[in-house]
Amino acid sequence: MMQSHSLIRALLLLITLSGSLVQAGEPLTSAELRAEQVRQTVLDILSYTRWPSEPTTLRLCITAPTEYAEALLSIAHQANGRPVEVHRYETDDESLGQRCDVIYVGVLSPPLRLPLFQRLEGYPILSISEQSSECIADAVFCLQATGERVRFKVNLDALARSGVRVHPAVLKLARAGEGAP
């Protein structure tokens, strides 16, 4: 298990570093670098997630205002070649549960978050939140893009309710990142 954890950490680091070289001719601004790191972190999380019935094409839905929508909308496939369709939907869209395998939630006030996640109950959906620093209310993964690093936390209760499985090594990475500066 320790080798698996080290291997996944090394893989995630390599992917993140290679992602920052996308525009080798021009240096990336800090905002562009952070957006690319968020994009890559989302792709990495997806690579280690399994659905009860694996979708041929993964449907990533973006809802609520997000700083990283442009980077996420550029995703076309995962590293394993599986196609990814990325669409933006309104938060109050009643069909999100049927349309999405993954939902990426941007900035959304608590009174609007609760009804969204209540509508998603019973669907096998991985949820990733951009603005939930404590990661205790709703989303499975909560990204924290600060400075030049992107970390994530995991909400184990939300994961248990989500109907998807995430590789244990990714969960360990989330815990390891909690104590990092």
Protein backbone atom coordinates (compact mmCIF):
# COMPACT_ATOMS: atom_id res chain seq x y z
CA MET A 1 0.00 0.00 0.00
CA MET A 2 2.88 2.36 0.78
CA GLN A 3 4.35 1.77 -2.68
CA SER A 4 0.97 2.50 -4.25
CA HIS A 5 0.75 5.78 -2.29
CA SER A 6 4.27 6.80 -3.36
CA LEU A 7 3.61 5.83 -6.96
CA ILE A 8 0.37 7.83 -7.14
CA ARG A 9 2.01 10.85 -5.49
CA ALA A 10 4.91 10.71 -7.97
CA LEU A 11 2.47 10.34 -10.87
CA LEU A 12 0.37 13.29 -9.72
CA LEU A 13 3.50 15.43 -9.33
CA LEU A 14 4.78 14.46 -12.79
CA ILE A 15 1.42 15.19 -14.41
CA THR A 16 1.15 18.55 -12.63
CA LEU A 17 4.66 19.56 -13.67
CA SER A 18 4.14 18.48 -17.27
CA GLY A 19 0.86 20.38 -17.34
CA SER A 20 2.66 23.61 -16.51
CA LEU A 21 4.74 23.21 -19.66
CA VAL A 22 1.69 23.36 -21.94
CA GLN A 23 2.70 26.76 -23.25
CA ALA A 24 6.45 26.22 -23.38
CA GLY A 25 6.97 29.30 -25.57
CA GLU A 26 5.26 31.68 -23.16
CA PRO A 27 5.54 31.66 -19.39
CA LEU A 28 2.20 31.15 -17.68
CA THR A 29 0.84 33.82 -15.39
CA SER A 30 0.16 32.68 -11.84
CA ALA A 31 -3.59 32.64 -12.58
CA GLU A 32 -3.06 30.50 -15.72
CA LEU A 33 -0.77 28.15 -13.83
CA ARG A 34 -3.30 27.77 -11.02
CA ALA A 35 -6.10 27.13 -13.54
CA GLU A 36 -4.00 24.45 -15.25
CA GLN A 37 -3.22 22.89 -11.86
CA VAL A 38 -6.95 22.83 -10.98
CA ARG A 39 -7.71 21.24 -14.36
CA GLN A 40 -5.04 18.60 -13.83
CA THR A 41 -6.11 17.92 -10.24
CA VAL A 42 -9.68 17.33 -11.42
CA LEU A 43 -8.43 14.95 -14.12
CA ASP A 44 -6.26 13.12 -11.58
CA ILE A 45 -9.19 12.67 -9.19
CA LEU A 46 -11.35 11.38 -12.04
CA SER A 47 -8.69 8.84 -12.98
CA TYR A 48 -8.98 7.22 -9.57
CA THR A 49 -12.78 7.26 -9.36
CA ARG A 50 -15.07 4.36 -10.28
CA TRP A 51 -18.80 4.48 -10.94
CA PRO A 52 -21.20 1.58 -10.35
CA SER A 53 -21.64 1.44 -14.13
CA GLU A 54 -18.58 2.91 -15.85
CA PRO A 55 -19.64 5.54 -18.39
CA THR A 56 -18.16 5.25 -21.87
CA THR A 57 -18.02 9.04 -22.01
CA LEU A 58 -17.61 10.85 -18.71
CA ARG A 59 -20.01 13.79 -18.30
CA LEU A 60 -18.47 16.66 -16.32
CA CYS A 61 -20.94 19.38 -15.40
CA ILE A 62 -19.91 22.83 -14.22
CA THR A 63 -22.37 24.87 -12.21
CA ALA A 64 -22.27 28.20 -10.41
CA PRO A 65 -19.68 30.89 -11.17
CA THR A 66 -16.18 29.42 -11.16
CA GLU A 67 -12.79 30.93 -11.64
CA TYR A 68 -11.58 27.83 -13.47
CA ALA A 69 -14.41 27.16 -15.96
CA GLU A 70 -12.29 27.92 -19.02
CA ALA A 71 -9.61 25.43 -18.01
CA LEU A 72 -12.22 22.77 -17.20
CA LEU A 73 -14.11 23.35 -20.46
CA SER A 74 -10.91 22.50 -22.34
CA ILE A 75 -10.95 18.90 -21.05
CA ALA A 76 -11.67 16.50 -23.92
CA HIS A 77 -10.48 13.15 -22.56
CA GLN A 78 -8.81 11.48 -19.62
CA ALA A 79 -5.25 10.12 -19.67
CA ASN A 80 -6.68 6.63 -20.31
CA GLY A 81 -8.36 7.93 -23.49
CA ARG A 82 -11.93 7.98 -22.17
CA PRO A 83 -13.78 10.93 -23.73
CA VAL A 84 -15.02 13.65 -21.39
CA GLU A 85 -17.93 15.91 -22.26
CA VAL A 86 -17.91 19.14 -20.31
CA HIS A 87 -20.99 21.35 -20.10
CA ARG A 88 -22.11 24.28 -18.02
CA TYR A 89 -25.54 24.14 -16.36
CA GLU A 90 -27.57 26.38 -14.13
CA THR A 91 -27.52 25.36 -10.47
CA ASP A 92 -31.29 24.96 -10.37
CA ASP A 93 -31.42 22.64 -13.43
CA GLU A 94 -33.63 19.76 -12.30
CA SER A 95 -31.94 17.28 -14.64
CA LEU A 96 -28.38 17.52 -13.29
CA GLY A 97 -28.71 14.08 -11.69
CA GLN A 98 -29.41 12.49 -15.07
CA ARG A 99 -26.96 14.61 -17.06
CA CYS A 100 -23.82 14.39 -14.92
CA ASP A 101 -21.28 11.82 -13.72
CA VAL A 102 -19.20 14.57 -12.14
CA ILE A 103 -20.37 17.95 -10.93
CA TYR A 104 -17.94 20.82 -10.38
CA VAL A 105 -19.47 23.50 -8.16
CA GLY A 106 -18.02 26.99 -8.22
CA VAL A 107 -18.96 29.82 -5.87
CA LEU A 108 -22.39 29.11 -4.44
CA SER A 109 -23.94 30.45 -1.25
CA PRO A 110 -25.00 27.91 1.40
CA PRO A 111 -28.75 28.51 0.85
CA LEU A 112 -28.31 27.50 -2.81
CA ARG A 113 -25.87 24.64 -2.15
CA LEU A 114 -28.23 22.62 0.04
CA PRO A 115 -31.04 22.26 -2.56
CA LEU A 116 -28.48 21.40 -5.27
CA PHE A 117 -26.99 18.53 -3.29
CA GLN A 118 -30.42 17.34 -2.16
CA ARG A 119 -31.42 16.99 -5.84
CA LEU A 120 -28.27 14.93 -6.53
CA GLU A 121 -29.01 12.38 -3.79
CA GLY A 122 -29.45 8.88 -5.14
CA TYR A 123 -27.35 9.48 -8.27
CA PRO A 124 -23.78 8.14 -8.61
CA ILE A 125 -22.13 11.54 -9.00
CA LEU A 126 -18.68 12.65 -7.92
CA SER A 127 -18.88 16.23 -6.65
CA ILE A 128 -15.96 18.64 -6.57
CA SER A 129 -16.26 22.05 -4.98
CA GLU A 130 -14.15 25.11 -5.58
CA GLN A 131 -15.29 27.11 -2.56
CA SER A 132 -15.78 24.89 0.46
CA SER A 133 -12.73 25.31 2.66
CA GLU A 134 -13.95 23.11 5.51
CA CYS A 135 -15.29 20.37 3.22
CA ILE A 136 -17.88 19.16 5.69
CA ALA A 137 -21.19 20.15 4.12
CA ASP A 138 -21.76 18.62 0.71
CA ALA A 139 -19.11 17.96 -1.95
CA VAL A 140 -16.89 14.88 -1.97
CA PHE A 141 -13.73 16.80 -2.90
CA CYS A 142 -13.02 20.42 -2.01
CA LEU A 143 -10.23 22.13 -3.91
CA GLN A 144 -8.09 24.78 -2.32
CA ALA A 145 -6.19 26.72 -4.95
CA THR A 146 -3.99 29.07 -3.01
CA GLY A 147 -0.74 30.65 -4.06
CA GLU A 148 0.95 28.28 -6.46
CA ARG A 149 -0.47 25.04 -5.07
CA VAL A 150 -3.72 23.19 -5.43
CA ARG A 151 -4.67 20.97 -2.55
CA PHE A 152 -7.85 19.09 -1.89
CA LYS A 153 -9.79 17.78 1.05
CA VAL A 154 -12.21 14.90 1.04
CA ASN A 155 -15.58 14.66 2.75
CA LEU A 156 -15.90 10.97 3.62
CA ASP A 157 -19.60 11.29 4.50
CA ALA A 158 -20.36 12.80 1.09
CA LEU A 159 -18.23 10.11 -0.57
CA ALA A 160 -20.23 7.37 1.16
CA ARG A 161 -23.48 8.97 -0.06
CA SER A 162 -22.22 9.61 -3.59
CA GLY A 163 -22.40 6.07 -4.94
CA VAL A 164 -18.89 6.27 -6.44
CA ARG A 165 -15.63 4.74 -5.23
CA VAL A 166 -12.31 6.54 -4.99
CA HIS A 167 -8.95 4.77 -4.70
CA PRO A 168 -7.78 4.83 -1.05
CA ALA A 169 -4.40 6.30 -2.00
CA VAL A 170 -6.13 9.47 -3.24
CA LEU A 171 -7.92 9.74 0.09
CA LYS A 172 -4.55 9.47 1.83
CA LEU A 173 -3.17 12.24 -0.38
CA ALA A 174 -6.03 14.48 0.71
CA ARG A 175 -5.22 13.80 4.37
CA ALA A 176 -1.50 14.35 3.77
CA GLY A 177 -2.23 17.74 2.20
CA GLU A 178 -4.21 18.93 5.24
CA GLY A 179 -1.12 19.43 7.36
CA ALA A 180 1.03 20.97 4.63
CA PRO A 181 1.73 24.71 4.71
